[in-house]
Amino acid sequence: MNAPENGLHGAETDQTYARAGFGASVPRGIAPVLVVVDLTRGFTEPEFPSGADLSAEVEAADVLVRAAHESGTPVVYTAISYTAAEADGDAIAWLHKAPGMRSLREGSPEVALDPRLEQRDSDHLIVKKGASAFHGTSLAALLTGLGADTVLVCGATTSGCVRATAVDAVQSGFNTLVVREACGDRARGPHDAALFDLQAKYADVIGLGEGVELLAKAR
């Protein structure tokens, strides 16, 4: 398996996972859709409580976005955004565990897409209330309507919303690829562990170059 070099990957681990039948390759289709998960200012800028410096990851994601735009491949952005009632109330259970997310309010700078990303009127935006971009949203129907046979996922955070979205992409019937360089987290350990688990069980974790190549020759 092509797992991160972080101590999770070794001969004994490889044997254990191979015996369990994990780590097979994901098919590459000809009609991909790029899903950019939560690269909003609240996550990509360290000045915000929920943020970190994800400049390198945003730059890599923008390379993917521009390749998608060039080939006419659909781009779907996602963002977490709460109304005042949701942010201040008790109706959303996740906010009990992660109260720092309450700052992601409609109209605030935190929920704006990172301005370093190329955005076009033709891009789609999914607003969500939890980790997965599929839960409680129209993303699965949108991908089906776009004719997607493969979903490329990138964004933040690797161990949270990226992982949840990639897992649900597979469970929604889409072959899923996660682009390593375009995913970021607040700490290296959770990032590496999430990529390892995704590669083993749910998606192929690929390099930026392969992602660009797939988008360039799409459709």
N, C-alpha and C. Protein backbone atom coordinates (compact mmCIF):
# COMPACT_ATOMS: atom_id res chain seq x y z
N MET A 1 0.84 -1.21 0.00
CA MET A 1 0.00 0.00 0.00
C MET A 1 0.87 1.24 0.00
N ASN A 2 0.38 2.26 -0.65
CA ASN A 2 1.09 3.53 -0.71
C ASN A 2 0.66 4.39 0.47
N ALA A 3 1.22 4.11 1.64
CA ALA A 3 0.81 4.81 2.85
C ALA A 3 1.84 5.85 3.25
N PRO A 4 1.48 6.81 4.11
CA PRO A 4 2.42 7.82 4.55
C PRO A 4 3.59 7.21 5.29
N GLU A 5 4.74 7.83 5.19
CA GLU A 5 5.94 7.37 5.89
C GLU A 5 5.96 7.97 7.29
N ASN A 6 5.22 7.36 8.21
CA ASN A 6 5.11 7.97 9.52
C ASN A 6 5.15 6.96 10.66
N GLY A 7 5.66 5.75 10.37
CA GLY A 7 5.69 4.74 11.40
C GLY A 7 4.49 3.82 11.35
N LEU A 8 3.40 4.24 10.70
CA LEU A 8 2.24 3.37 10.53
C LEU A 8 2.53 2.32 9.47
N HIS A 9 3.45 2.63 8.58
CA HIS A 9 3.72 1.79 7.42
C HIS A 9 4.97 0.96 7.71
N GLY A 10 4.85 -0.37 7.65
CA GLY A 10 5.97 -1.26 7.86
C GLY A 10 5.61 -2.64 7.39
N ALA A 11 6.59 -3.55 7.42
CA ALA A 11 6.36 -4.90 6.89
C ALA A 11 5.24 -5.61 7.62
N GLU A 12 5.23 -5.52 8.96
CA GLU A 12 4.20 -6.21 9.73
C GLU A 12 2.81 -5.63 9.43
N THR A 13 2.74 -4.30 9.34
CA THR A 13 1.46 -3.65 9.01
C THR A 13 1.00 -4.06 7.62
N ASP A 14 1.92 -4.06 6.66
CA ASP A 14 1.59 -4.46 5.30
C ASP A 14 1.01 -5.87 5.26
N GLN A 15 1.65 -6.77 5.97
CA GLN A 15 1.20 -8.16 5.99
C GLN A 15 -0.19 -8.28 6.61
N THR A 16 -0.40 -7.56 7.70
CA THR A 16 -1.70 -7.61 8.39
C THR A 16 -2.81 -7.11 7.49
N TYR A 17 -2.57 -5.98 6.84
CA TYR A 17 -3.60 -5.40 5.99
C TYR A 17 -3.79 -6.21 4.70
N ALA A 18 -2.71 -6.76 4.16
CA ALA A 18 -2.83 -7.58 2.96
C ALA A 18 -3.63 -8.84 3.25
N ARG A 19 -3.39 -9.44 4.41
CA ARG A 19 -4.14 -10.64 4.79
C ARG A 19 -5.63 -10.34 4.92
N ALA A 20 -5.95 -9.14 5.37
CA ALA A 20 -7.34 -8.73 5.52
C ALA A 20 -7.99 -8.35 4.19
N GLY A 21 -7.18 -8.25 3.14
CA GLY A 21 -7.71 -7.91 1.83
C GLY A 21 -7.90 -6.43 1.59
N PHE A 22 -7.13 -5.58 2.29
CA PHE A 22 -7.21 -4.14 2.11
C PHE A 22 -6.17 -3.65 1.11
N GLY A 23 -6.39 -2.44 0.61
CA GLY A 23 -5.38 -1.76 -0.18
C GLY A 23 -5.42 -1.99 -1.67
N ALA A 24 -6.49 -2.57 -2.19
CA ALA A 24 -6.59 -2.74 -3.64
C ALA A 24 -6.72 -1.39 -4.33
N SER A 25 -6.44 -1.39 -5.63
CA SER A 25 -6.47 -0.14 -6.38
C SER A 25 -7.89 0.25 -6.78
N VAL A 26 -8.16 1.55 -6.81
CA VAL A 26 -9.46 2.08 -7.20
C VAL A 26 -9.47 2.36 -8.70
N PRO A 27 -10.53 1.98 -9.42
CA PRO A 27 -10.59 2.29 -10.85
C PRO A 27 -10.59 3.80 -11.10
N ARG A 28 -9.96 4.20 -12.20
CA ARG A 28 -9.98 5.59 -12.64
C ARG A 28 -10.97 5.72 -13.78
N GLY A 29 -11.95 6.59 -13.63
CA GLY A 29 -12.94 6.78 -14.67
C GLY A 29 -12.55 7.88 -15.63
N ILE A 30 -13.47 8.19 -16.53
CA ILE A 30 -13.22 9.25 -17.52
C ILE A 30 -14.07 10.48 -17.25
N ALA A 31 -14.91 10.42 -16.21
CA ALA A 31 -15.79 11.54 -15.88
C ALA A 31 -15.65 11.90 -14.41
N PRO A 32 -14.49 12.45 -14.02
CA PRO A 32 -14.30 12.80 -12.62
C PRO A 32 -14.98 14.11 -12.25
N VAL A 33 -15.16 14.30 -10.96
CA VAL A 33 -15.57 15.59 -10.40
C VAL A 33 -14.61 15.89 -9.26
N LEU A 34 -14.15 17.12 -9.17
CA LEU A 34 -13.25 17.56 -8.11
C LEU A 34 -14.07 18.15 -6.97
N VAL A 35 -13.91 17.58 -5.76
CA VAL A 35 -14.59 18.09 -4.57
C VAL A 35 -13.55 18.70 -3.64
N VAL A 36 -13.63 19.99 -3.44
CA VAL A 36 -12.69 20.74 -2.60
C VAL A 36 -13.37 20.99 -1.26
N VAL A 37 -12.91 20.30 -0.23
CA VAL A 37 -13.59 20.27 1.06
C VAL A 37 -13.08 21.39 1.98
N ASP A 38 -13.95 22.32 2.29
CA ASP A 38 -13.77 23.26 3.40
C ASP A 38 -12.46 24.05 3.38
N LEU A 39 -11.99 24.41 2.21
CA LEU A 39 -10.83 25.31 2.17
C LEU A 39 -11.33 26.74 2.28
N THR A 40 -11.94 27.01 3.42
CA THR A 40 -12.42 28.33 3.77
C THR A 40 -11.43 28.99 4.72
N ARG A 41 -11.53 30.28 4.85
CA ARG A 41 -10.52 31.03 5.61
C ARG A 41 -10.43 30.56 7.06
N GLY A 42 -11.56 30.12 7.61
CA GLY A 42 -11.54 29.66 8.99
C GLY A 42 -10.69 28.44 9.22
N PHE A 43 -10.38 27.71 8.14
CA PHE A 43 -9.53 26.53 8.24
C PHE A 43 -8.13 26.76 7.67
N THR A 44 -8.00 27.68 6.71
CA THR A 44 -6.72 27.82 6.00
C THR A 44 -5.84 28.95 6.51
N GLU A 45 -6.37 29.78 7.42
CA GLU A 45 -5.60 30.90 7.94
C GLU A 45 -5.42 30.75 9.45
N PRO A 46 -4.20 30.78 9.94
CA PRO A 46 -3.94 30.52 11.37
C PRO A 46 -4.47 31.60 12.31
N GLU A 47 -4.86 32.75 11.77
CA GLU A 47 -5.38 33.82 12.63
C GLU A 47 -6.74 33.46 13.23
N PHE A 48 -7.43 32.53 12.61
CA PHE A 48 -8.74 32.12 13.12
C PHE A 48 -8.58 30.95 14.08
N PRO A 49 -9.44 30.86 15.12
CA PRO A 49 -9.30 29.81 16.13
C PRO A 49 -9.29 28.40 15.57
N SER A 50 -10.07 28.16 14.52
CA SER A 50 -10.16 26.82 13.95
C SER A 50 -9.17 26.60 12.81
N GLY A 51 -8.31 27.59 12.55
CA GLY A 51 -7.46 27.54 11.37
C GLY A 51 -6.03 27.10 11.62
N ALA A 52 -5.34 26.86 10.52
CA ALA A 52 -3.91 26.56 10.51
C ALA A 52 -3.35 27.13 9.21
N ASP A 53 -2.03 27.23 9.13
CA ASP A 53 -1.42 27.74 7.91
C ASP A 53 -1.41 26.62 6.87
N LEU A 54 -2.37 26.63 5.98
CA LEU A 54 -2.48 25.61 4.94
C LEU A 54 -2.14 26.19 3.57
N SER A 55 -1.19 27.11 3.55
CA SER A 55 -0.83 27.79 2.30
C SER A 55 -0.39 26.79 1.23
N ALA A 56 0.45 25.83 1.60
CA ALA A 56 0.94 24.86 0.62
C ALA A 56 -0.20 24.00 0.09
N GLU A 57 -1.10 23.62 0.98
CA GLU A 57 -2.23 22.77 0.57
C GLU A 57 -3.21 23.54 -0.32
N VAL A 58 -3.43 24.81 0.01
CA VAL A 58 -4.30 25.64 -0.83
C VAL A 58 -3.68 25.81 -2.22
N GLU A 59 -2.38 26.01 -2.27
CA GLU A 59 -1.69 26.16 -3.55
C GLU A 59 -1.86 24.88 -4.39
N ALA A 60 -1.69 23.72 -3.75
CA ALA A 60 -1.85 22.45 -4.46
C ALA A 60 -3.29 22.27 -4.92
N ALA A 61 -4.24 22.61 -4.06
CA ALA A 61 -5.65 22.49 -4.44
C ALA A 61 -5.98 23.40 -5.62
N ASP A 62 -5.38 24.58 -5.65
CA ASP A 62 -5.64 25.50 -6.75
C ASP A 62 -5.08 24.96 -8.06
N VAL A 63 -3.98 24.23 -8.00
CA VAL A 63 -3.47 23.56 -9.20
C VAL A 63 -4.51 22.59 -9.75
N LEU A 64 -5.13 21.83 -8.85
CA LEU A 64 -6.19 20.91 -9.26
C LEU A 64 -7.39 21.65 -9.84
N VAL A 65 -7.79 22.72 -9.16
CA VAL A 65 -8.94 23.50 -9.62
C VAL A 65 -8.70 24.04 -11.02
N ARG A 66 -7.53 24.60 -11.24
CA ARG A 66 -7.23 25.17 -12.56
C ARG A 66 -7.18 24.10 -13.64
N ALA A 67 -6.66 22.92 -13.29
CA ALA A 67 -6.65 21.81 -14.25
C ALA A 67 -8.07 21.38 -14.57
N ALA A 68 -8.93 21.36 -13.55
CA ALA A 68 -10.33 21.00 -13.77
C ALA A 68 -11.02 22.04 -14.65
N HIS A 69 -10.81 23.30 -14.35
CA HIS A 69 -11.41 24.35 -15.16
C HIS A 69 -10.95 24.27 -16.62
N GLU A 70 -9.68 23.99 -16.82
CA GLU A 70 -9.12 23.91 -18.16
C GLU A 70 -9.76 22.80 -18.98
N SER A 71 -10.04 21.67 -18.33
CA SER A 71 -10.60 20.52 -19.04
C SER A 71 -12.12 20.49 -19.04
N GLY A 72 -12.74 21.43 -18.32
CA GLY A 72 -14.19 21.43 -18.22
C GLY A 72 -14.74 20.46 -17.20
N THR A 73 -13.88 19.98 -16.31
CA THR A 73 -14.31 19.07 -15.25
C THR A 73 -15.04 19.86 -14.16
N PRO A 74 -16.18 19.39 -13.70
CA PRO A 74 -16.90 20.12 -12.65
C PRO A 74 -16.10 20.23 -11.35
N VAL A 75 -16.23 21.36 -10.70
CA VAL A 75 -15.61 21.62 -9.40
C VAL A 75 -16.72 21.88 -8.39
N VAL A 76 -16.64 21.19 -7.27
CA VAL A 76 -17.60 21.39 -6.18
C VAL A 76 -16.83 21.84 -4.95
N TYR A 77 -17.13 23.03 -4.47
CA TYR A 77 -16.57 23.51 -3.21
C TYR A 77 -17.56 23.19 -2.08
N THR A 78 -17.03 22.95 -0.88
CA THR A 78 -17.89 22.79 0.28
C THR A 78 -17.46 23.76 1.38
N ALA A 79 -18.41 24.13 2.22
CA ALA A 79 -18.12 25.03 3.34
C ALA A 79 -19.07 24.72 4.49
N ILE A 80 -18.55 24.78 5.70
CA ILE A 80 -19.39 24.69 6.89
C ILE A 80 -19.87 26.09 7.23
N SER A 81 -21.17 26.24 7.43
CA SER A 81 -21.73 27.54 7.76
C SER A 81 -22.98 27.35 8.61
N TYR A 82 -23.04 28.09 9.72
CA TYR A 82 -24.18 27.99 10.63
C TYR A 82 -24.93 29.31 10.71
N THR A 83 -26.24 29.19 10.80
CA THR A 83 -27.04 30.38 11.11
C THR A 83 -26.78 30.77 12.56
N ALA A 84 -27.21 31.96 12.94
CA ALA A 84 -27.06 32.39 14.33
C ALA A 84 -27.77 31.43 15.28
N ALA A 85 -28.96 30.98 14.89
CA ALA A 85 -29.72 30.05 15.74
C ALA A 85 -28.98 28.74 15.92
N GLU A 86 -28.37 28.25 14.83
CA GLU A 86 -27.61 27.00 14.92
C GLU A 86 -26.35 27.16 15.75
N ALA A 87 -25.63 28.26 15.54
CA ALA A 87 -24.37 28.47 16.24
C ALA A 87 -24.58 28.71 17.73
N ASP A 88 -25.67 29.38 18.09
CA ASP A 88 -25.90 29.74 19.48
C ASP A 88 -26.74 28.70 20.24
N GLY A 89 -27.37 27.80 19.51
CA GLY A 89 -28.28 26.85 20.14
C GLY A 89 -27.66 25.51 20.42
N ASP A 90 -28.50 24.54 20.76
CA ASP A 90 -28.05 23.20 21.12
C ASP A 90 -28.56 22.14 20.15
N ALA A 91 -29.08 22.56 19.01
CA ALA A 91 -29.72 21.60 18.10
C ALA A 91 -28.72 20.74 17.34
N ILE A 92 -27.50 21.24 17.14
CA ILE A 92 -26.50 20.49 16.36
C ILE A 92 -25.55 19.81 17.34
N ALA A 93 -25.64 18.49 17.41
CA ALA A 93 -24.89 17.74 18.41
C ALA A 93 -23.38 17.90 18.27
N TRP A 94 -22.89 18.02 17.03
CA TRP A 94 -21.45 18.14 16.81
C TRP A 94 -20.87 19.35 17.54
N LEU A 95 -21.65 20.40 17.66
CA LEU A 95 -21.14 21.62 18.30
C LEU A 95 -20.97 21.46 19.80
N HIS A 96 -21.56 20.41 20.38
CA HIS A 96 -21.28 20.12 21.79
C HIS A 96 -19.86 19.60 21.94
N LYS A 97 -19.43 18.79 20.97
CA LYS A 97 -18.08 18.21 21.01
C LYS A 97 -17.04 19.18 20.47
N ALA A 98 -17.40 19.96 19.49
CA ALA A 98 -16.46 20.87 18.82
C ALA A 98 -17.01 22.29 18.85
N PRO A 99 -17.09 22.90 20.03
CA PRO A 99 -17.70 24.23 20.14
C PRO A 99 -16.94 25.31 19.37
N GLY A 100 -15.69 25.06 19.04
CA GLY A 100 -14.94 26.04 18.26
C GLY A 100 -15.53 26.27 16.88
N MET A 101 -16.30 25.29 16.40
CA MET A 101 -16.94 25.43 15.09
C MET A 101 -18.08 26.45 15.10
N ARG A 102 -18.51 26.87 16.28
CA ARG A 102 -19.61 27.84 16.37
C ARG A 102 -19.24 29.19 15.72
N SER A 103 -17.96 29.44 15.55
CA SER A 103 -17.54 30.70 14.92
C SER A 103 -17.76 30.70 13.42
N LEU A 104 -18.09 29.54 12.85
CA LEU A 104 -18.30 29.45 11.41
C LEU A 104 -19.73 29.87 11.07
N ARG A 105 -19.99 31.15 11.15
CA ARG A 105 -21.33 31.71 11.00
C ARG A 105 -21.54 32.28 9.60
N GLU A 106 -22.76 32.19 9.15
CA GLU A 106 -23.12 32.77 7.86
C GLU A 106 -22.63 34.22 7.76
N GLY A 107 -21.99 34.52 6.65
CA GLY A 107 -21.56 35.89 6.41
C GLY A 107 -20.26 36.29 7.06
N SER A 108 -19.68 35.42 7.87
CA SER A 108 -18.43 35.76 8.55
C SER A 108 -17.24 35.48 7.64
N PRO A 109 -16.08 36.12 7.91
CA PRO A 109 -14.89 35.84 7.10
C PRO A 109 -14.48 34.37 7.14
N GLU A 110 -14.76 33.69 8.25
CA GLU A 110 -14.34 32.30 8.39
C GLU A 110 -14.95 31.37 7.35
N VAL A 111 -16.16 31.66 6.90
CA VAL A 111 -16.84 30.74 5.98
C VAL A 111 -16.61 31.10 4.51
N ALA A 112 -15.86 32.15 4.25
CA ALA A 112 -15.55 32.52 2.87
C ALA A 112 -14.48 31.58 2.30
N LEU A 113 -14.64 31.17 1.04
CA LEU A 113 -13.62 30.36 0.41
C LEU A 113 -12.30 31.11 0.36
N ASP A 114 -11.21 30.38 0.52
CA ASP A 114 -9.89 31.01 0.48
C ASP A 114 -9.72 31.74 -0.85
N PRO A 115 -9.39 33.02 -0.82
CA PRO A 115 -9.32 33.80 -2.05
C PRO A 115 -8.19 33.37 -2.98
N ARG A 116 -7.27 32.55 -2.50
CA ARG A 116 -6.18 32.06 -3.34
C ARG A 116 -6.65 30.97 -4.31
N LEU A 117 -7.87 30.48 -4.13
CA LEU A 117 -8.43 29.47 -5.02
C LEU A 117 -9.14 30.14 -6.19
N GLU A 118 -8.95 29.61 -7.39
CA GLU A 118 -9.67 30.13 -8.54
C GLU A 118 -11.13 29.69 -8.45
N GLN A 119 -12.02 30.66 -8.45
CA GLN A 119 -13.45 30.37 -8.36
C GLN A 119 -14.16 30.93 -9.58
N ARG A 120 -15.04 30.11 -10.13
CA ARG A 120 -15.82 30.52 -11.30
C ARG A 120 -17.30 30.38 -11.00
N ASP A 121 -18.09 31.13 -11.74
CA ASP A 121 -19.55 31.06 -11.56
C ASP A 121 -20.08 29.67 -11.85
N SER A 122 -19.36 28.91 -12.65
CA SER A 122 -19.80 27.56 -13.01
C SER A 122 -19.52 26.53 -11.91
N ASP A 123 -18.73 26.91 -10.89
CA ASP A 123 -18.43 26.00 -9.79
C ASP A 123 -19.66 25.86 -8.88
N HIS A 124 -19.75 24.71 -8.24
CA HIS A 124 -20.85 24.43 -7.33
C HIS A 124 -20.38 24.64 -5.88
N LEU A 125 -21.34 24.96 -5.00
CA LEU A 125 -21.04 25.13 -3.58
C LEU A 125 -22.05 24.33 -2.75
N ILE A 126 -21.53 23.48 -1.89
CA ILE A 126 -22.34 22.72 -0.95
C ILE A 126 -22.10 23.28 0.44
N VAL A 127 -23.14 23.76 1.09
CA VAL A 127 -23.05 24.25 2.46
C VAL A 127 -23.48 23.12 3.39
N LYS A 128 -22.67 22.83 4.38
CA LYS A 128 -22.94 21.69 5.26
C LYS A 128 -22.86 22.09 6.71
N LYS A 129 -23.35 21.19 7.56
CA LYS A 129 -23.42 21.45 9.00
C LYS A 129 -22.55 20.50 9.81
N GLY A 130 -21.97 19.52 9.14
CA GLY A 130 -21.15 18.53 9.83
C GLY A 130 -19.92 18.19 9.03
N ALA A 131 -19.29 17.07 9.38
CA ALA A 131 -18.01 16.72 8.76
C ALA A 131 -18.16 16.29 7.30
N SER A 132 -19.05 15.34 7.03
CA SER A 132 -19.19 14.83 5.68
C SER A 132 -19.94 15.81 4.79
N ALA A 133 -19.42 15.98 3.57
CA ALA A 133 -20.11 16.84 2.60
C ALA A 133 -21.35 16.17 2.03
N PHE A 134 -21.56 14.90 2.36
CA PHE A 134 -22.73 14.17 1.87
C PHE A 134 -23.89 14.22 2.86
N HIS A 135 -23.58 14.25 4.15
CA HIS A 135 -24.63 14.12 5.15
C HIS A 135 -25.55 15.35 5.15
N GLY A 136 -26.84 15.11 4.89
CA GLY A 136 -27.81 16.19 4.93
C GLY A 136 -27.70 17.19 3.80
N THR A 137 -27.00 16.84 2.71
CA THR A 137 -26.83 17.76 1.58
C THR A 137 -27.26 17.07 0.29
N SER A 138 -27.20 17.81 -0.79
CA SER A 138 -27.57 17.28 -2.11
C SER A 138 -26.36 16.81 -2.91
N LEU A 139 -25.20 16.60 -2.25
CA LEU A 139 -23.98 16.30 -2.99
C LEU A 139 -24.09 15.01 -3.81
N ALA A 140 -24.62 13.95 -3.23
CA ALA A 140 -24.72 12.68 -3.98
C ALA A 140 -25.56 12.86 -5.23
N ALA A 141 -26.70 13.56 -5.10
CA ALA A 141 -27.56 13.80 -6.26
C ALA A 141 -26.85 14.69 -7.29
N LEU A 142 -26.10 15.68 -6.81
CA LEU A 142 -25.36 16.56 -7.72
C LEU A 142 -24.33 15.77 -8.51
N LEU A 143 -23.56 14.92 -7.84
CA LEU A 143 -22.54 14.14 -8.52
C LEU A 143 -23.17 13.20 -9.55
N THR A 144 -24.29 12.61 -9.18
CA THR A 144 -25.00 11.75 -10.13
C THR A 144 -25.47 12.55 -11.33
N GLY A 145 -26.03 13.72 -11.09
CA GLY A 145 -26.49 14.58 -12.18
C GLY A 145 -25.36 15.04 -13.09
N LEU A 146 -24.17 15.18 -12.52
CA LEU A 146 -23.00 15.59 -13.31
C LEU A 146 -22.38 14.42 -14.06
N GLY A 147 -22.90 13.22 -13.83
CA GLY A 147 -22.39 12.04 -14.52
C GLY A 147 -21.06 11.55 -14.01
N ALA A 148 -20.76 11.81 -12.76
CA ALA A 148 -19.45 11.45 -12.20
C ALA A 148 -19.28 9.94 -12.11
N ASP A 149 -18.10 9.45 -12.52
CA ASP A 149 -17.76 8.06 -12.26
C ASP A 149 -16.57 7.96 -11.30
N THR A 150 -15.97 9.11 -10.99
CA THR A 150 -14.83 9.17 -10.07
C THR A 150 -14.90 10.50 -9.34
N VAL A 151 -14.56 10.48 -8.05
CA VAL A 151 -14.52 11.72 -7.27
C VAL A 151 -13.11 11.92 -6.74
N LEU A 152 -12.52 13.07 -7.07
CA LEU A 152 -11.24 13.48 -6.49
C LEU A 152 -11.53 14.39 -5.32
N VAL A 153 -10.98 14.06 -4.17
CA VAL A 153 -11.24 14.81 -2.95
C VAL A 153 -9.95 15.46 -2.47
N CYS A 154 -10.05 16.72 -2.06
CA CYS A 154 -8.94 17.40 -1.41
C CYS A 154 -9.51 18.38 -0.42
N GLY A 155 -8.67 19.01 0.41
CA GLY A 155 -9.17 20.03 1.32
C GLY A 155 -8.73 19.86 2.75
N ALA A 156 -9.60 20.26 3.68
CA ALA A 156 -9.28 20.28 5.10
C ALA A 156 -10.52 19.90 5.91
N THR A 157 -10.30 19.37 7.09
CA THR A 157 -9.04 18.80 7.51
C THR A 157 -8.99 17.34 7.13
N THR A 158 -7.77 16.83 6.94
CA THR A 158 -7.60 15.46 6.46
C THR A 158 -8.28 14.45 7.36
N SER A 159 -8.10 14.62 8.66
CA SER A 159 -8.62 13.63 9.61
C SER A 159 -10.09 13.83 9.93
N GLY A 160 -10.65 14.97 9.50
CA GLY A 160 -12.04 15.28 9.81
C GLY A 160 -12.91 15.26 8.57
N CYS A 161 -13.11 16.42 7.98
CA CYS A 161 -14.07 16.55 6.88
C CYS A 161 -13.63 15.87 5.60
N VAL A 162 -12.33 15.84 5.32
CA VAL A 162 -11.85 15.13 4.13
C VAL A 162 -12.10 13.64 4.27
N ARG A 163 -11.71 13.08 5.41
CA ARG A 163 -11.91 11.65 5.62
C ARG A 163 -13.39 11.29 5.58
N ALA A 164 -14.21 12.05 6.29
CA ALA A 164 -15.64 11.76 6.33
C ALA A 164 -16.26 11.84 4.94
N THR A 165 -15.85 12.83 4.16
CA THR A 165 -16.38 13.00 2.81
C THR A 165 -15.93 11.87 1.90
N ALA A 166 -14.66 11.48 1.99
CA ALA A 166 -14.16 10.40 1.15
C ALA A 166 -14.86 9.08 1.48
N VAL A 167 -15.04 8.79 2.76
CA VAL A 167 -15.73 7.57 3.16
C VAL A 167 -17.16 7.56 2.62
N ASP A 168 -17.85 8.66 2.76
CA ASP A 168 -19.23 8.74 2.27
C ASP A 168 -19.31 8.74 0.75
N ALA A 169 -18.26 9.23 0.08
CA ALA A 169 -18.24 9.16 -1.38
C ALA A 169 -18.26 7.71 -1.84
N VAL A 170 -17.44 6.88 -1.20
CA VAL A 170 -17.41 5.45 -1.53
C VAL A 170 -18.76 4.82 -1.21
N GLN A 171 -19.30 5.15 -0.05
CA GLN A 171 -20.57 4.57 0.36
C GLN A 171 -21.73 5.04 -0.51
N SER A 172 -21.52 6.14 -1.23
CA SER A 172 -22.54 6.64 -2.15
C SER A 172 -22.35 6.10 -3.56
N GLY A 173 -21.34 5.24 -3.75
CA GLY A 173 -21.17 4.55 -5.01
C GLY A 173 -20.15 5.13 -5.96
N PHE A 174 -19.28 6.03 -5.48
CA PHE A 174 -18.31 6.66 -6.36
C PHE A 174 -16.90 6.15 -6.07
N ASN A 175 -16.15 5.81 -7.12
CA ASN A 175 -14.73 5.52 -6.95
C ASN A 175 -14.05 6.81 -6.50
N THR A 176 -13.22 6.70 -5.48
CA THR A 176 -12.74 7.91 -4.79
C THR A 176 -11.22 7.96 -4.73
N LEU A 177 -10.68 9.12 -5.07
CA LEU A 177 -9.25 9.39 -5.02
C LEU A 177 -9.03 10.60 -4.12
N VAL A 178 -8.03 10.52 -3.25
CA VAL A 178 -7.70 11.62 -2.34
C VAL A 178 -6.30 12.12 -2.71
N VAL A 179 -6.19 13.42 -2.97
CA VAL A 179 -4.92 13.98 -3.44
C VAL A 179 -4.09 14.45 -2.24
N ARG A 180 -3.00 13.75 -2.02
CA ARG A 180 -2.20 13.91 -0.79
C ARG A 180 -1.76 15.35 -0.54
N GLU A 181 -1.11 15.97 -1.51
CA GLU A 181 -0.52 17.29 -1.28
C GLU A 181 -1.56 18.38 -1.09
N ALA A 182 -2.79 18.12 -1.51
CA ALA A 182 -3.84 19.13 -1.43
C ALA A 182 -4.75 18.91 -0.23
N CYS A 183 -4.31 18.11 0.74
CA CYS A 183 -5.05 17.89 1.98
C CYS A 183 -4.21 18.37 3.16
N GLY A 184 -4.86 19.05 4.10
CA GLY A 184 -4.12 19.58 5.25
C GLY A 184 -4.88 19.40 6.54
N ASP A 185 -4.12 19.46 7.64
CA ASP A 185 -4.69 19.26 8.97
C ASP A 185 -3.95 20.16 9.95
N ARG A 186 -4.42 20.15 11.19
CA ARG A 186 -3.81 20.99 12.22
C ARG A 186 -2.57 20.34 12.82
N ALA A 187 -2.41 19.04 12.63
CA ALA A 187 -1.27 18.31 13.18
C ALA A 187 -0.90 17.18 12.23
N ARG A 188 0.36 16.80 12.20
CA ARG A 188 0.84 15.79 11.25
C ARG A 188 0.32 14.40 11.58
N GLY A 189 0.25 14.04 12.86
CA GLY A 189 -0.18 12.70 13.24
C GLY A 189 -1.55 12.33 12.72
N PRO A 190 -2.58 13.13 13.02
CA PRO A 190 -3.91 12.83 12.50
C PRO A 190 -3.96 12.83 10.97
N HIS A 191 -3.21 13.72 10.34
CA HIS A 191 -3.16 13.78 8.88
C HIS A 191 -2.65 12.47 8.31
N ASP A 192 -1.51 12.01 8.81
CA ASP A 192 -0.91 10.78 8.30
C ASP A 192 -1.79 9.57 8.58
N ALA A 193 -2.36 9.51 9.79
CA ALA A 193 -3.21 8.37 10.14
C ALA A 193 -4.45 8.30 9.25
N ALA A 194 -5.03 9.47 8.94
CA ALA A 194 -6.22 9.50 8.10
C ALA A 194 -5.88 9.05 6.68
N LEU A 195 -4.77 9.51 6.13
CA LEU A 195 -4.38 9.09 4.79
C LEU A 195 -4.10 7.59 4.74
N PHE A 196 -3.46 7.08 5.77
CA PHE A 196 -3.19 5.64 5.85
C PHE A 196 -4.49 4.85 5.81
N ASP A 197 -5.44 5.25 6.63
CA ASP A 197 -6.71 4.53 6.72
C ASP A 197 -7.51 4.64 5.43
N LEU A 198 -7.51 5.83 4.82
CA LEU A 198 -8.21 6.00 3.55
C LEU A 198 -7.61 5.11 2.47
N GLN A 199 -6.29 5.10 2.38
CA GLN A 199 -5.62 4.28 1.38
C GLN A 199 -5.91 2.79 1.60
N ALA A 200 -5.97 2.39 2.82
CA ALA A 200 -6.18 0.98 3.12
C ALA A 200 -7.59 0.52 2.77
N LYS A 201 -8.60 1.35 3.05
CA LYS A 201 -9.97 0.85 3.06
C LYS A 201 -10.95 1.52 2.12
N TYR A 202 -10.68 2.75 1.70
CA TYR A 202 -11.74 3.50 1.04
C TYR A 202 -11.37 4.14 -0.29
N ALA A 203 -10.16 4.61 -0.43
CA ALA A 203 -9.78 5.42 -1.60
C ALA A 203 -8.35 5.13 -1.98
N ASP A 204 -7.95 5.60 -3.14
CA ASP A 204 -6.53 5.65 -3.46
C ASP A 204 -6.02 7.04 -3.10
N VAL A 205 -4.97 7.08 -2.30
CA VAL A 205 -4.30 8.35 -2.00
C VAL A 205 -3.25 8.57 -3.08
N ILE A 206 -3.44 9.60 -3.88
CA ILE A 206 -2.59 9.82 -5.05
C ILE A 206 -1.81 11.12 -4.91
N GLY A 207 -0.80 11.27 -5.75
CA GLY A 207 -0.01 12.48 -5.78
C GLY A 207 -0.66 13.56 -6.63
N LEU A 208 -0.19 14.77 -6.46
CA LEU A 208 -0.75 15.91 -7.18
C LEU A 208 -0.60 15.73 -8.69
N GLY A 209 0.54 15.22 -9.11
CA GLY A 209 0.77 15.04 -10.54
C GLY A 209 -0.25 14.11 -11.18
N GLU A 210 -0.55 13.00 -10.51
CA GLU A 210 -1.54 12.08 -11.06
C GLU A 210 -2.93 12.73 -11.08
N GLY A 211 -3.23 13.49 -10.03
CA GLY A 211 -4.52 14.17 -10.01
C GLY A 211 -4.68 15.14 -11.17
N VAL A 212 -3.65 15.92 -11.44
CA VAL A 212 -3.69 16.87 -12.55
C VAL A 212 -3.84 16.13 -13.88
N GLU A 213 -3.10 15.03 -14.02
CA GLU A 213 -3.16 14.24 -15.26
C GLU A 213 -4.57 13.69 -15.49
N LEU A 214 -5.18 13.17 -14.45
CA LEU A 214 -6.53 12.63 -14.57
C LEU A 214 -7.53 13.72 -14.98
N LEU A 215 -7.39 14.89 -14.38
CA LEU A 215 -8.30 15.99 -14.70
C LEU A 215 -8.06 16.51 -16.12
N ALA A 216 -6.80 16.52 -16.53
CA ALA A 216 -6.45 17.07 -17.84
C ALA A 216 -7.01 16.24 -18.99
N LYS A 217 -7.09 14.92 -18.79
CA LYS A 217 -7.56 14.05 -19.88
C LYS A 217 -9.00 13.59 -19.68
N ALA A 218 -9.70 14.23 -18.74
CA ALA A 218 -11.08 13.83 -18.43
C ALA A 218 -12.01 14.16 -19.59
N ARG A 219 -13.05 13.34 -19.70
CA ARG A 219 -14.15 13.55 -20.65
C ARG A 219 -13.66 13.75 -22.07
